[in-house]
Amino acid sequence: MPSRMDAEKKLVSIINETISREGKVMIPVPAVGRAQEIMLILDEYMRRGELKEAPVFIEGMISESTAIHTAYPEYLSREVRNSILNQEVNPFESDYFTVVEHPSAREDIIKGEPCIIVATAGMLEGGPIIDYFQQLAHDERNAIVFVSYQIEGTLGRRVQKGIPEVSIMNSERKIRALKINLKVHTVEG
């Protein structure tokens, strides 16, 4: 496994490249743990100017899980705990983040400017990330970054392996073929 620093730098590099080509970055995450870790990385690197500033849209059960992290900062790392308790700066409530409150906002995000979308579910097996994926997979400017394990047999694993087309159920519950032209990345560590 690469070091945490190397993994963070790789993630930042992928995002910067995608934003530079006017694309959108999807990061499918589990709602607890990895989502908050990604949020901390995005906030920190944007504040330091190493990550291009772009809107970060947070959707799914992430907000509810993050609220628990914020309510119990004594269980977080020393740096995050001190930031919340002593400096009254909550990195989970960064100005860079916009919580998507309703699915109706997705269309504007999809049609809008380059951005980062952090949404559940981490293996593309449900959750709001599926809607984003269906709408953004065709565009080679976009990217998907897997930051958690993809179990064999899941849509996430098939996409991660580079399959050029998948069968997916749309919102009308009809199966359709979806071409995958976006860049597919995995960041381990």
N, C-alpha and C. Protein backbone atom coordinates (compact mmCIF):
# COMPACT_ATOMS: atom_id res chain seq x y z
N MET A 1 0.83 -1.19 0.00
CA MET A 1 0.00 0.00 0.00
C MET A 1 0.88 1.26 0.00
N PRO A 2 0.47 2.26 -0.75
CA PRO A 2 1.23 3.52 -0.71
C PRO A 2 0.99 4.21 0.63
N SER A 3 1.89 5.12 0.97
CA SER A 3 1.72 5.88 2.22
C SER A 3 0.50 6.78 2.09
N ARG A 4 0.01 7.24 3.22
CA ARG A 4 -1.15 8.15 3.21
C ARG A 4 -0.80 9.41 2.41
N MET A 5 0.39 9.94 2.59
CA MET A 5 0.80 11.15 1.88
C MET A 5 0.79 10.92 0.36
N ASP A 6 1.32 9.78 -0.08
CA ASP A 6 1.33 9.47 -1.51
C ASP A 6 -0.10 9.31 -2.05
N ALA A 7 -0.97 8.67 -1.26
CA ALA A 7 -2.36 8.49 -1.68
C ALA A 7 -3.06 9.84 -1.79
N GLU A 8 -2.83 10.73 -0.84
CA GLU A 8 -3.43 12.06 -0.88
C GLU A 8 -2.95 12.83 -2.10
N LYS A 9 -1.65 12.78 -2.35
CA LYS A 9 -1.09 13.50 -3.51
C LYS A 9 -1.66 12.96 -4.82
N LYS A 10 -1.84 11.64 -4.90
CA LYS A 10 -2.41 11.06 -6.11
C LYS A 10 -3.84 11.54 -6.31
N LEU A 11 -4.64 11.54 -5.23
CA LEU A 11 -6.02 12.01 -5.31
C LEU A 11 -6.06 13.47 -5.76
N VAL A 12 -5.24 14.30 -5.17
CA VAL A 12 -5.19 15.73 -5.52
C VAL A 12 -4.79 15.91 -6.98
N SER A 13 -3.82 15.14 -7.44
CA SER A 13 -3.37 15.22 -8.83
C SER A 13 -4.49 14.85 -9.80
N ILE A 14 -5.21 13.77 -9.51
CA ILE A 14 -6.32 13.33 -10.37
C ILE A 14 -7.38 14.42 -10.44
N ILE A 15 -7.73 14.97 -9.29
CA ILE A 15 -8.76 16.01 -9.25
C ILE A 15 -8.30 17.24 -10.03
N ASN A 16 -7.07 17.68 -9.80
CA ASN A 16 -6.56 18.86 -10.51
C ASN A 16 -6.57 18.67 -12.02
N GLU A 17 -6.14 17.49 -12.48
CA GLU A 17 -6.15 17.19 -13.92
C GLU A 17 -7.57 17.22 -14.48
N THR A 18 -8.52 16.65 -13.76
CA THR A 18 -9.90 16.59 -14.23
C THR A 18 -10.52 17.99 -14.27
N ILE A 19 -10.31 18.76 -13.24
CA ILE A 19 -10.86 20.13 -13.20
C ILE A 19 -10.22 20.97 -14.31
N SER A 20 -8.94 20.75 -14.59
CA SER A 20 -8.25 21.49 -15.66
C SER A 20 -8.87 21.22 -17.03
N ARG A 21 -9.37 20.01 -17.24
CA ARG A 21 -9.98 19.70 -18.54
C ARG A 21 -11.49 19.93 -18.51
N GLU A 22 -11.95 20.71 -17.52
CA GLU A 22 -13.36 21.11 -17.40
C GLU A 22 -14.28 19.92 -17.09
N GLY A 23 -13.73 18.92 -16.41
CA GLY A 23 -14.52 17.75 -16.06
C GLY A 23 -15.02 17.78 -14.63
N LYS A 24 -15.81 16.78 -14.34
CA LYS A 24 -16.35 16.59 -13.00
C LYS A 24 -15.74 15.32 -12.41
N VAL A 25 -15.48 15.33 -11.11
CA VAL A 25 -14.89 14.19 -10.43
C VAL A 25 -15.93 13.57 -9.51
N MET A 26 -16.21 12.29 -9.70
CA MET A 26 -17.10 11.57 -8.80
C MET A 26 -16.25 10.70 -7.88
N ILE A 27 -16.56 10.80 -6.60
CA ILE A 27 -15.88 9.97 -5.61
C ILE A 27 -16.95 9.21 -4.84
N PRO A 28 -17.19 7.95 -5.23
CA PRO A 28 -18.18 7.15 -4.49
C PRO A 28 -17.56 6.69 -3.17
N VAL A 29 -18.31 6.88 -2.08
CA VAL A 29 -17.77 6.56 -0.76
C VAL A 29 -18.81 5.88 0.12
N PRO A 30 -18.36 5.06 1.06
CA PRO A 30 -19.26 4.63 2.13
C PRO A 30 -19.56 5.87 3.00
N ALA A 31 -20.72 5.92 3.62
CA ALA A 31 -21.14 7.11 4.36
C ALA A 31 -20.32 7.36 5.63
N VAL A 32 -19.77 6.32 6.20
CA VAL A 32 -19.06 6.45 7.48
C VAL A 32 -17.59 6.15 7.31
N GLY A 33 -16.76 7.05 7.77
CA GLY A 33 -15.32 6.83 7.78
C GLY A 33 -14.62 7.40 6.57
N ARG A 34 -14.70 6.70 5.46
CA ARG A 34 -13.98 7.14 4.26
C ARG A 34 -14.52 8.48 3.74
N ALA A 35 -15.82 8.68 3.84
CA ALA A 35 -16.40 9.96 3.38
C ALA A 35 -15.79 11.12 4.16
N GLN A 36 -15.70 10.98 5.47
CA GLN A 36 -15.16 12.06 6.30
C GLN A 36 -13.67 12.26 6.04
N GLU A 37 -12.97 11.16 5.81
CA GLU A 37 -11.55 11.23 5.49
C GLU A 37 -11.34 12.03 4.19
N ILE A 38 -12.14 11.75 3.18
CA ILE A 38 -12.05 12.46 1.91
C ILE A 38 -12.39 13.93 2.10
N MET A 39 -13.41 14.21 2.89
CA MET A 39 -13.79 15.61 3.15
C MET A 39 -12.63 16.38 3.79
N LEU A 40 -11.97 15.76 4.76
CA LEU A 40 -10.83 16.41 5.42
C LEU A 40 -9.70 16.70 4.43
N ILE A 41 -9.43 15.74 3.55
CA ILE A 41 -8.37 15.92 2.55
C ILE A 41 -8.73 17.05 1.59
N LEU A 42 -9.95 17.05 1.08
CA LEU A 42 -10.36 18.08 0.13
C LEU A 42 -10.27 19.47 0.76
N ASP A 43 -10.79 19.60 1.98
CA ASP A 43 -10.75 20.89 2.66
C ASP A 43 -9.31 21.35 2.89
N GLU A 44 -8.49 20.47 3.40
CA GLU A 44 -7.09 20.84 3.71
C GLU A 44 -6.32 21.26 2.46
N TYR A 45 -6.40 20.48 1.41
CA TYR A 45 -5.62 20.79 0.21
C TYR A 45 -6.15 22.03 -0.52
N MET A 46 -7.45 22.27 -0.46
CA MET A 46 -7.98 23.50 -1.06
C MET A 46 -7.53 24.71 -0.26
N ARG A 47 -7.58 24.62 1.07
CA ARG A 47 -7.14 25.74 1.91
C ARG A 47 -5.66 26.05 1.67
N ARG A 48 -4.87 25.02 1.45
CA ARG A 48 -3.42 25.22 1.22
C ARG A 48 -3.11 25.66 -0.21
N GLY A 49 -4.11 25.62 -1.08
CA GLY A 49 -3.92 26.04 -2.46
C GLY A 49 -3.30 24.98 -3.35
N GLU A 50 -3.20 23.75 -2.89
CA GLU A 50 -2.63 22.66 -3.68
C GLU A 50 -3.68 21.95 -4.53
N LEU A 51 -4.94 22.15 -4.17
CA LEU A 51 -6.05 21.57 -4.91
C LEU A 51 -6.86 22.73 -5.49
N LYS A 52 -7.11 22.66 -6.79
CA LYS A 52 -7.86 23.73 -7.44
C LYS A 52 -9.22 23.88 -6.76
N GLU A 53 -9.58 25.13 -6.51
CA GLU A 53 -10.87 25.37 -5.89
C GLU A 53 -11.99 25.05 -6.87
N ALA A 54 -12.90 24.24 -6.41
CA ALA A 54 -14.07 23.84 -7.19
C ALA A 54 -15.15 23.49 -6.18
N PRO A 55 -16.40 23.64 -6.55
CA PRO A 55 -17.46 23.24 -5.63
C PRO A 55 -17.36 21.75 -5.31
N VAL A 56 -17.63 21.43 -4.06
CA VAL A 56 -17.65 20.04 -3.62
C VAL A 56 -19.07 19.75 -3.15
N PHE A 57 -19.73 18.85 -3.85
CA PHE A 57 -21.10 18.50 -3.51
C PHE A 57 -21.10 17.19 -2.73
N ILE A 58 -21.76 17.22 -1.57
CA ILE A 58 -21.82 16.09 -0.67
C ILE A 58 -23.25 15.57 -0.68
N GLU A 59 -23.42 14.27 -0.97
CA GLU A 59 -24.79 13.75 -1.03
C GLU A 59 -24.86 12.33 -0.49
N GLY A 60 -26.01 12.01 0.05
CA GLY A 60 -26.26 10.70 0.61
C GLY A 60 -26.27 10.78 2.13
N MET A 61 -26.05 9.68 2.76
CA MET A 61 -26.06 9.62 4.23
C MET A 61 -24.80 10.23 4.85
N ILE A 62 -23.97 10.83 4.05
CA ILE A 62 -22.72 11.41 4.54
C ILE A 62 -22.97 12.49 5.59
N SER A 63 -23.93 13.36 5.33
CA SER A 63 -24.20 14.46 6.27
C SER A 63 -24.61 13.95 7.64
N GLU A 64 -25.46 12.95 7.67
CA GLU A 64 -25.90 12.39 8.94
C GLU A 64 -24.72 11.74 9.69
N SER A 65 -23.90 11.02 8.97
CA SER A 65 -22.73 10.39 9.59
C SER A 65 -21.73 11.42 10.08
N THR A 66 -21.56 12.47 9.30
CA THR A 66 -20.61 13.52 9.66
C THR A 66 -21.09 14.27 10.91
N ALA A 67 -22.37 14.42 11.05
CA ALA A 67 -22.91 15.09 12.24
C ALA A 67 -22.52 14.33 13.51
N ILE A 68 -22.46 13.03 13.42
CA ILE A 68 -22.04 12.22 14.58
C ILE A 68 -20.57 12.47 14.88
N HIS A 69 -19.75 12.55 13.83
CA HIS A 69 -18.33 12.84 14.03
C HIS A 69 -18.16 14.19 14.72
N THR A 70 -18.93 15.17 14.29
CA THR A 70 -18.83 16.51 14.86
C THR A 70 -19.34 16.55 16.30
N ALA A 71 -20.36 15.77 16.61
CA ALA A 71 -20.92 15.74 17.96
C ALA A 71 -19.97 15.11 18.97
N TYR A 72 -19.05 14.26 18.50
CA TYR A 72 -18.13 13.56 19.39
C TYR A 72 -16.68 13.78 18.94
N PRO A 73 -16.20 15.02 18.93
CA PRO A 73 -14.85 15.29 18.42
C PRO A 73 -13.74 14.65 19.25
N GLU A 74 -14.05 14.27 20.48
CA GLU A 74 -13.02 13.65 21.32
C GLU A 74 -12.54 12.33 20.75
N TYR A 75 -13.28 11.74 19.83
CA TYR A 75 -12.88 10.47 19.21
C TYR A 75 -12.14 10.66 17.89
N LEU A 76 -11.96 11.91 17.49
CA LEU A 76 -11.28 12.20 16.23
C LEU A 76 -9.78 12.38 16.47
N SER A 77 -9.03 12.52 15.39
CA SER A 77 -7.59 12.74 15.52
C SER A 77 -7.32 14.02 16.30
N ARG A 78 -6.16 14.13 16.87
CA ARG A 78 -5.79 15.29 17.67
C ARG A 78 -5.97 16.59 16.89
N GLU A 79 -5.53 16.60 15.62
CA GLU A 79 -5.61 17.82 14.81
C GLU A 79 -7.05 18.24 14.57
N VAL A 80 -7.89 17.29 14.19
CA VAL A 80 -9.29 17.61 13.91
C VAL A 80 -10.00 18.01 15.20
N ARG A 81 -9.75 17.28 16.27
CA ARG A 81 -10.35 17.59 17.56
C ARG A 81 -10.00 19.01 18.00
N ASN A 82 -8.71 19.34 17.92
CA ASN A 82 -8.28 20.69 18.32
C ASN A 82 -8.89 21.76 17.43
N SER A 83 -9.00 21.48 16.16
CA SER A 83 -9.60 22.43 15.24
C SER A 83 -11.05 22.72 15.63
N ILE A 84 -11.80 21.68 15.95
CA ILE A 84 -13.21 21.84 16.29
C ILE A 84 -13.38 22.46 17.68
N LEU A 85 -12.65 21.96 18.67
CA LEU A 85 -12.85 22.39 20.05
C LEU A 85 -12.12 23.69 20.40
N ASN A 86 -10.89 23.84 19.97
CA ASN A 86 -10.09 24.98 20.40
C ASN A 86 -10.10 26.15 19.42
N GLN A 87 -10.13 25.84 18.12
CA GLN A 87 -10.08 26.91 17.12
C GLN A 87 -11.47 27.23 16.57
N GLU A 88 -12.46 26.45 16.98
CA GLU A 88 -13.83 26.60 16.51
C GLU A 88 -13.93 26.61 14.98
N VAL A 89 -13.09 25.76 14.36
CA VAL A 89 -13.12 25.59 12.91
C VAL A 89 -13.46 24.12 12.66
N ASN A 90 -14.62 23.90 12.06
CA ASN A 90 -15.04 22.53 11.78
C ASN A 90 -14.77 22.22 10.31
N PRO A 91 -13.75 21.41 10.02
CA PRO A 91 -13.42 21.13 8.61
C PRO A 91 -14.53 20.39 7.87
N PHE A 92 -15.46 19.78 8.61
CA PHE A 92 -16.58 19.10 7.97
C PHE A 92 -17.65 20.08 7.48
N GLU A 93 -17.55 21.32 7.93
CA GLU A 93 -18.49 22.36 7.52
C GLU A 93 -17.78 23.41 6.69
N SER A 94 -16.85 22.99 5.91
CA SER A 94 -16.05 23.87 5.07
C SER A 94 -16.93 24.67 4.10
N ASP A 95 -16.50 25.88 3.80
CA ASP A 95 -17.20 26.71 2.82
C ASP A 95 -17.13 26.09 1.43
N TYR A 96 -16.20 25.18 1.20
CA TYR A 96 -16.09 24.52 -0.09
C TYR A 96 -17.20 23.51 -0.32
N PHE A 97 -17.82 23.04 0.76
CA PHE A 97 -18.80 21.96 0.68
C PHE A 97 -20.22 22.49 0.55
N THR A 98 -20.98 21.84 -0.31
CA THR A 98 -22.42 22.09 -0.44
C THR A 98 -23.11 20.76 -0.26
N VAL A 99 -23.97 20.69 0.73
CA VAL A 99 -24.73 19.47 0.96
C VAL A 99 -25.94 19.50 0.03
N VAL A 100 -26.10 18.46 -0.75
CA VAL A 100 -27.22 18.35 -1.67
C VAL A 100 -28.41 17.83 -0.86
N GLU A 101 -29.39 18.71 -0.70
CA GLU A 101 -30.54 18.40 0.16
C GLU A 101 -31.62 17.59 -0.55
N HIS A 102 -31.68 17.71 -1.89
CA HIS A 102 -32.78 17.05 -2.60
C HIS A 102 -32.28 16.60 -3.98
N PRO A 103 -32.74 15.44 -4.45
CA PRO A 103 -32.32 14.95 -5.76
C PRO A 103 -32.58 15.92 -6.92
N SER A 104 -33.51 16.82 -6.76
CA SER A 104 -33.80 17.78 -7.83
C SER A 104 -32.61 18.70 -8.13
N ALA A 105 -31.67 18.81 -7.20
CA ALA A 105 -30.49 19.67 -7.41
C ALA A 105 -29.46 19.00 -8.32
N ARG A 106 -29.55 17.71 -8.53
CA ARG A 106 -28.55 16.98 -9.31
C ARG A 106 -28.43 17.48 -10.75
N GLU A 107 -29.54 17.81 -11.36
CA GLU A 107 -29.50 18.26 -12.76
C GLU A 107 -28.62 19.50 -12.92
N ASP A 108 -28.75 20.45 -11.99
CA ASP A 108 -27.92 21.66 -12.05
C ASP A 108 -26.45 21.33 -11.84
N ILE A 109 -26.16 20.39 -10.96
CA ILE A 109 -24.78 19.98 -10.70
C ILE A 109 -24.20 19.32 -11.95
N ILE A 110 -24.97 18.44 -12.55
CA ILE A 110 -24.51 17.71 -13.74
C ILE A 110 -24.27 18.65 -14.91
N LYS A 111 -25.14 19.63 -15.08
CA LYS A 111 -25.00 20.58 -16.19
C LYS A 111 -24.07 21.74 -15.86
N GLY A 112 -23.70 21.89 -14.61
CA GLY A 112 -22.93 23.04 -14.16
C GLY A 112 -21.44 22.95 -14.41
N GLU A 113 -20.72 23.77 -13.69
CA GLU A 113 -19.28 23.92 -13.84
C GLU A 113 -18.53 22.68 -13.32
N PRO A 114 -17.23 22.61 -13.62
CA PRO A 114 -16.43 21.51 -13.07
C PRO A 114 -16.57 21.48 -11.54
N CYS A 115 -16.64 20.27 -11.00
CA CYS A 115 -16.86 20.13 -9.56
C CYS A 115 -16.40 18.76 -9.09
N ILE A 116 -16.53 18.57 -7.79
CA ILE A 116 -16.23 17.30 -7.15
C ILE A 116 -17.52 16.83 -6.51
N ILE A 117 -17.88 15.58 -6.75
CA ILE A 117 -19.10 15.02 -6.20
C ILE A 117 -18.70 13.85 -5.30
N VAL A 118 -18.96 14.00 -4.01
CA VAL A 118 -18.69 12.94 -3.04
C VAL A 118 -20.06 12.41 -2.62
N ALA A 119 -20.35 11.18 -3.00
CA ALA A 119 -21.69 10.64 -2.74
C ALA A 119 -21.63 9.15 -2.44
N THR A 120 -22.66 8.69 -1.74
CA THR A 120 -22.80 7.27 -1.46
C THR A 120 -23.51 6.63 -2.64
N ALA A 121 -23.31 5.40 -2.92
CA ALA A 121 -22.67 4.31 -2.22
C ALA A 121 -21.31 4.00 -2.86
N GLY A 122 -20.41 3.54 -2.02
CA GLY A 122 -19.03 3.36 -2.41
C GLY A 122 -18.73 2.35 -3.51
N MET A 123 -19.64 1.40 -3.74
CA MET A 123 -19.40 0.37 -4.76
C MET A 123 -20.34 0.51 -5.95
N LEU A 124 -20.97 1.67 -6.08
CA LEU A 124 -21.92 1.94 -7.17
C LEU A 124 -23.10 0.96 -7.17
N GLU A 125 -23.47 0.51 -6.00
CA GLU A 125 -24.57 -0.46 -5.92
C GLU A 125 -25.85 0.19 -5.39
N GLY A 126 -25.96 1.48 -5.45
CA GLY A 126 -27.14 2.19 -4.97
C GLY A 126 -26.74 3.59 -4.58
N GLY A 127 -27.67 4.31 -4.00
CA GLY A 127 -27.39 5.66 -3.54
C GLY A 127 -27.34 6.67 -4.67
N PRO A 128 -27.14 7.92 -4.32
CA PRO A 128 -27.17 9.00 -5.31
C PRO A 128 -26.04 8.95 -6.34
N ILE A 129 -24.94 8.29 -6.02
CA ILE A 129 -23.82 8.25 -6.97
C ILE A 129 -24.24 7.60 -8.28
N ILE A 130 -25.21 6.69 -8.23
CA ILE A 130 -25.67 6.00 -9.45
C ILE A 130 -26.24 7.01 -10.45
N ASP A 131 -27.04 7.95 -9.97
CA ASP A 131 -27.63 8.95 -10.86
C ASP A 131 -26.53 9.79 -11.51
N TYR A 132 -25.58 10.24 -10.71
CA TYR A 132 -24.46 11.02 -11.26
C TYR A 132 -23.69 10.19 -12.29
N PHE A 133 -23.41 8.95 -11.93
CA PHE A 133 -22.64 8.07 -12.81
C PHE A 133 -23.33 7.90 -14.16
N GLN A 134 -24.63 7.65 -14.14
CA GLN A 134 -25.38 7.46 -15.39
C GLN A 134 -25.32 8.71 -16.27
N GLN A 135 -25.30 9.87 -15.66
CA GLN A 135 -25.32 11.13 -16.41
C GLN A 135 -23.94 11.59 -16.86
N LEU A 136 -22.89 11.14 -16.17
CA LEU A 136 -21.55 11.66 -16.43
C LEU A 136 -20.58 10.66 -17.06
N ALA A 137 -20.93 9.38 -17.08
CA ALA A 137 -20.01 8.34 -17.55
C ALA A 137 -19.63 8.48 -19.02
N HIS A 138 -20.46 9.06 -19.83
CA HIS A 138 -20.21 9.16 -21.27
C HIS A 138 -19.14 10.19 -21.64
N ASP A 139 -18.86 11.13 -20.76
CA ASP A 139 -17.99 12.27 -21.08
C ASP A 139 -16.54 11.99 -20.65
N GLU A 140 -15.65 11.96 -21.61
CA GLU A 140 -14.24 11.63 -21.32
C GLU A 140 -13.53 12.69 -20.49
N ARG A 141 -14.12 13.86 -20.33
CA ARG A 141 -13.51 14.88 -19.46
C ARG A 141 -13.69 14.53 -17.99
N ASN A 142 -14.69 13.73 -17.68
CA ASN A 142 -15.02 13.41 -16.29
C ASN A 142 -14.15 12.26 -15.78
N ALA A 143 -14.19 12.10 -14.46
CA ALA A 143 -13.43 11.01 -13.84
C ALA A 143 -14.22 10.45 -12.66
N ILE A 144 -13.98 9.19 -12.40
CA ILE A 144 -14.47 8.55 -11.18
C ILE A 144 -13.25 8.05 -10.44
N VAL A 145 -13.22 8.28 -9.13
CA VAL A 145 -12.08 7.89 -8.32
C VAL A 145 -12.57 6.95 -7.22
N PHE A 146 -12.13 5.71 -7.29
CA PHE A 146 -12.48 4.74 -6.25
C PHE A 146 -11.48 4.87 -5.11
N VAL A 147 -12.01 5.12 -3.91
CA VAL A 147 -11.15 5.30 -2.73
C VAL A 147 -11.44 4.24 -1.66
N SER A 148 -12.31 3.30 -2.00
CA SER A 148 -12.59 2.20 -1.08
C SER A 148 -12.64 0.90 -1.87
N TYR A 149 -12.60 -0.19 -1.15
CA TYR A 149 -12.54 -1.50 -1.76
C TYR A 149 -13.80 -1.77 -2.59
N GLN A 150 -13.62 -2.39 -3.74
CA GLN A 150 -14.72 -2.76 -4.63
C GLN A 150 -14.84 -4.28 -4.64
N ILE A 151 -15.92 -4.78 -4.10
CA ILE A 151 -16.14 -6.22 -4.03
C ILE A 151 -16.43 -6.78 -5.41
N GLU A 152 -15.86 -7.94 -5.68
CA GLU A 152 -16.09 -8.65 -6.95
C GLU A 152 -17.59 -8.80 -7.18
N GLY A 153 -18.03 -8.54 -8.41
CA GLY A 153 -19.44 -8.67 -8.77
C GLY A 153 -20.23 -7.37 -8.67
N THR A 154 -19.66 -6.34 -8.05
CA THR A 154 -20.36 -5.05 -7.95
C THR A 154 -20.12 -4.23 -9.21
N LEU A 155 -20.99 -3.28 -9.45
CA LEU A 155 -20.81 -2.36 -10.57
C LEU A 155 -19.49 -1.60 -10.41
N GLY A 156 -19.18 -1.21 -9.20
CA GLY A 156 -17.92 -0.50 -8.95
C GLY A 156 -16.71 -1.30 -9.40
N ARG A 157 -16.70 -2.59 -9.10
CA ARG A 157 -15.58 -3.44 -9.49
C ARG A 157 -15.49 -3.58 -11.01
N ARG A 158 -16.63 -3.72 -11.66
CA ARG A 158 -16.62 -3.85 -13.12
C ARG A 158 -16.09 -2.58 -13.77
N VAL A 159 -16.52 -1.42 -13.27
CA VAL A 159 -16.04 -0.15 -13.80
C VAL A 159 -14.55 0.00 -13.51
N GLN A 160 -14.15 -0.36 -12.31
CA GLN A 160 -12.74 -0.27 -11.91
C GLN A 160 -11.85 -1.12 -12.81
N LYS A 161 -12.36 -2.27 -13.24
CA LYS A 161 -11.58 -3.17 -14.12
C LYS A 161 -11.50 -2.66 -15.55
N GLY A 162 -12.28 -1.62 -15.89
CA GLY A 162 -12.17 -1.03 -17.21
C GLY A 162 -13.18 -1.49 -18.23
N ILE A 163 -14.25 -2.09 -17.81
CA ILE A 163 -15.28 -2.53 -18.75
C ILE A 163 -15.80 -1.30 -19.51
N PRO A 164 -15.90 -1.36 -20.83
CA PRO A 164 -16.28 -0.18 -21.62
C PRO A 164 -17.77 0.13 -21.64
N GLU A 165 -18.59 -0.85 -21.23
CA GLU A 165 -20.04 -0.64 -21.25
C GLU A 165 -20.66 -1.53 -20.19
N VAL A 166 -21.66 -0.99 -19.49
CA VAL A 166 -22.36 -1.77 -18.47
C VAL A 166 -23.86 -1.68 -18.71
N SER A 167 -24.56 -2.66 -18.22
CA SER A 167 -26.02 -2.61 -18.21
C SER A 167 -26.43 -2.03 -16.87
N ILE A 168 -27.32 -1.05 -16.94
CA ILE A 168 -27.71 -0.37 -15.71
C ILE A 168 -29.19 -0.05 -15.78
N MET A 169 -29.85 -0.05 -14.62
CA MET A 169 -31.27 0.25 -14.56
C MET A 169 -31.43 1.76 -14.39
N ASN A 170 -32.23 2.36 -15.26
CA ASN A 170 -32.45 3.80 -15.16
C ASN A 170 -33.58 4.12 -14.19
N SER A 171 -33.92 5.41 -14.07
CA SER A 171 -34.93 5.83 -13.10
C SER A 171 -36.32 5.28 -13.42
N GLU A 172 -36.57 4.90 -14.68
CA GLU A 172 -37.85 4.30 -15.04
C GLU A 172 -37.82 2.78 -14.85
N ARG A 173 -36.76 2.28 -14.23
CA ARG A 173 -36.58 0.86 -13.93
C ARG A 173 -36.45 0.01 -15.18
N LYS A 174 -35.85 0.61 -16.21
CA LYS A 174 -35.58 -0.11 -17.45
C LYS A 174 -34.08 -0.29 -17.59
N ILE A 175 -33.67 -1.46 -18.06
CA ILE A 175 -32.25 -1.75 -18.26
C ILE A 175 -31.79 -1.07 -19.55
N ARG A 176 -30.63 -0.43 -19.47
CA ARG A 176 -30.06 0.18 -20.67
C ARG A 176 -28.55 0.01 -20.64
N ALA A 177 -27.96 0.06 -21.82
CA ALA A 177 -26.50 -0.03 -21.93
C ALA A 177 -25.93 1.37 -21.69
N LEU A 178 -24.86 1.43 -20.92
CA LEU A 178 -24.21 2.69 -20.60
C LEU A 178 -22.74 2.61 -21.00
N LYS A 179 -22.36 3.44 -21.96
CA LYS A 179 -20.95 3.51 -22.37
C LYS A 179 -20.17 4.27 -21.32
N ILE A 180 -18.99 3.77 -21.02
CA ILE A 180 -18.14 4.40 -20.01
C ILE A 180 -16.93 5.00 -20.72
N ASN A 181 -16.94 6.30 -20.86
CA ASN A 181 -15.83 7.01 -21.50
C ASN A 181 -15.00 7.83 -20.52
N LEU A 182 -15.51 7.99 -19.30
CA LEU A 182 -14.78 8.80 -18.33
C LEU A 182 -13.50 8.11 -17.89
N LYS A 183 -12.63 8.85 -17.25
CA LYS A 183 -11.38 8.29 -16.73
C LYS A 183 -11.69 7.57 -15.42
N VAL A 184 -11.13 6.39 -15.26
CA VAL A 184 -11.35 5.58 -14.06
C VAL A 184 -10.04 5.49 -13.29
N HIS A 185 -10.09 5.87 -12.00
CA HIS A 185 -8.90 5.86 -11.16
C HIS A 185 -9.20 5.12 -9.87
N THR A 186 -8.17 4.56 -9.30
CA THR A 186 -8.24 3.97 -7.97
C THR A 186 -7.12 4.56 -7.12
N VAL A 187 -7.48 5.03 -5.94
CA VAL A 187 -6.49 5.55 -5.00
C VAL A 187 -6.53 4.64 -3.79
N GLU A 188 -5.46 3.89 -3.60
CA GLU A 188 -5.37 2.98 -2.46
C GLU A 188 -4.51 3.61 -1.38
N GLY A 189 -4.75 3.17 -0.17
CA GLY A 189 -3.92 3.67 0.93
C GLY A 189 -4.75 4.29 2.01
